[in-house]
Protein backbone atom coordinates (compact mmCIF):
# COMPACT_ATOMS: atom_id res chain seq x y z
CA GLU A 1 96.17 107.46 -134.75
CA LEU A 2 96.10 105.89 -131.35
CA GLY A 3 97.59 102.63 -130.30
CA GLU A 4 99.55 100.93 -127.63
CA ALA A 5 102.78 98.98 -127.65
CA GLN A 6 104.87 97.55 -124.90
CA ILE A 7 108.46 96.42 -125.31
CA SER A 8 110.74 94.88 -122.72
CA LEU A 9 114.49 94.93 -123.22
CA PRO A 10 117.33 93.36 -121.25
CA ILE A 11 119.30 95.94 -119.29
CA SER A 12 122.27 96.06 -117.02
CA GLY A 13 122.81 98.73 -114.46
CA GLU A 14 121.81 100.02 -111.12
CA GLY A 15 118.79 101.76 -109.72
CA LYS A 16 115.21 101.14 -108.82
CA GLU A 17 112.56 99.32 -110.79
CA GLY A 18 109.81 101.34 -112.37
CA THR A 19 107.81 102.16 -115.45
CA ILE A 20 108.29 105.03 -117.87
CA SER A 21 106.44 105.83 -121.10
CA PHE A 22 107.68 107.64 -124.19
CA ASN A 23 106.13 108.79 -127.44
CA SER A 24 107.20 105.98 -129.77
CA ARG A 25 108.21 108.37 -132.56
CA TYR A 26 110.59 110.33 -130.30
CA LEU A 27 112.06 107.16 -128.82
CA THR A 28 112.61 105.63 -132.26
CA GLU A 29 114.32 108.82 -133.48
CA ALA A 30 116.64 108.79 -130.48
CA LEU A 31 117.58 105.13 -130.88
CA ASN A 32 118.11 105.42 -134.65
CA ALA A 33 120.33 108.49 -134.27
CA LEU A 34 122.68 106.94 -131.71
CA PRO A 35 125.74 105.17 -133.13
CA GLY A 36 126.50 101.57 -132.18
CA GLU A 37 124.53 98.73 -130.69
CA GLU A 38 124.49 99.87 -127.05
CA VAL A 39 122.67 102.79 -125.47
CA GLU A 40 123.06 104.37 -122.05
CA LEU A 41 119.83 105.66 -120.54
CA SER A 42 119.95 108.05 -117.59
CA LEU A 43 116.74 108.64 -115.63
CA ASN A 44 115.77 110.50 -112.47
CA SER A 45 112.04 109.74 -112.38
CA ALA A 46 109.19 108.70 -114.66
CA LEU A 47 108.29 112.35 -115.29
CA ASP A 48 111.78 113.86 -115.80
CA PRO A 49 113.58 114.03 -119.16
CA ALA A 50 115.55 110.91 -120.12
CA LEU A 51 119.09 111.22 -121.47
CA PHE A 52 120.20 108.77 -124.16
CA THR A 53 123.92 108.48 -124.98
CA ALA A 54 126.17 106.00 -126.76
CA PRO A 55 128.84 104.50 -124.47
CA LYS A 56 131.54 104.90 -127.14
CA GLU A 57 130.42 108.36 -128.30
CA LYS A 58 129.80 110.45 -125.17
CA SER A 59 129.65 113.71 -127.17
CA TYR A 60 126.26 112.78 -128.67
CA LEU A 61 123.31 113.38 -126.36
CA HIS A 62 119.62 112.89 -127.04
CA VAL A 63 116.98 114.04 -124.56
CA VAL A 64 113.46 112.61 -124.67
CA MET A 65 110.58 113.73 -122.47
CA PRO A 66 108.39 110.95 -121.10
CA VAL A 67 104.63 111.08 -121.44
CA ARG A 68 102.20 110.87 -118.56
CA LEU A 69 99.67 108.09 -118.97
CA GLN A 70 96.15 108.37 -117.66
CA GLY A 71 94.95 105.45 -115.76
């Protein structure tokens, strides 16, 4: 199945503005597996792996590869 969704979330942090795309299934799995309400997201670029961690549980790491969109 193909589809498109776009979600904007409030964030706090530092860095540059940009756009990154993820497979929704992988992103949902990462967010559901992390404990707590807050998530730290570490990015280098829109094509590098993203690292998801929980601020209170630094031992749990979840890596998600972004997808390249045609357009």
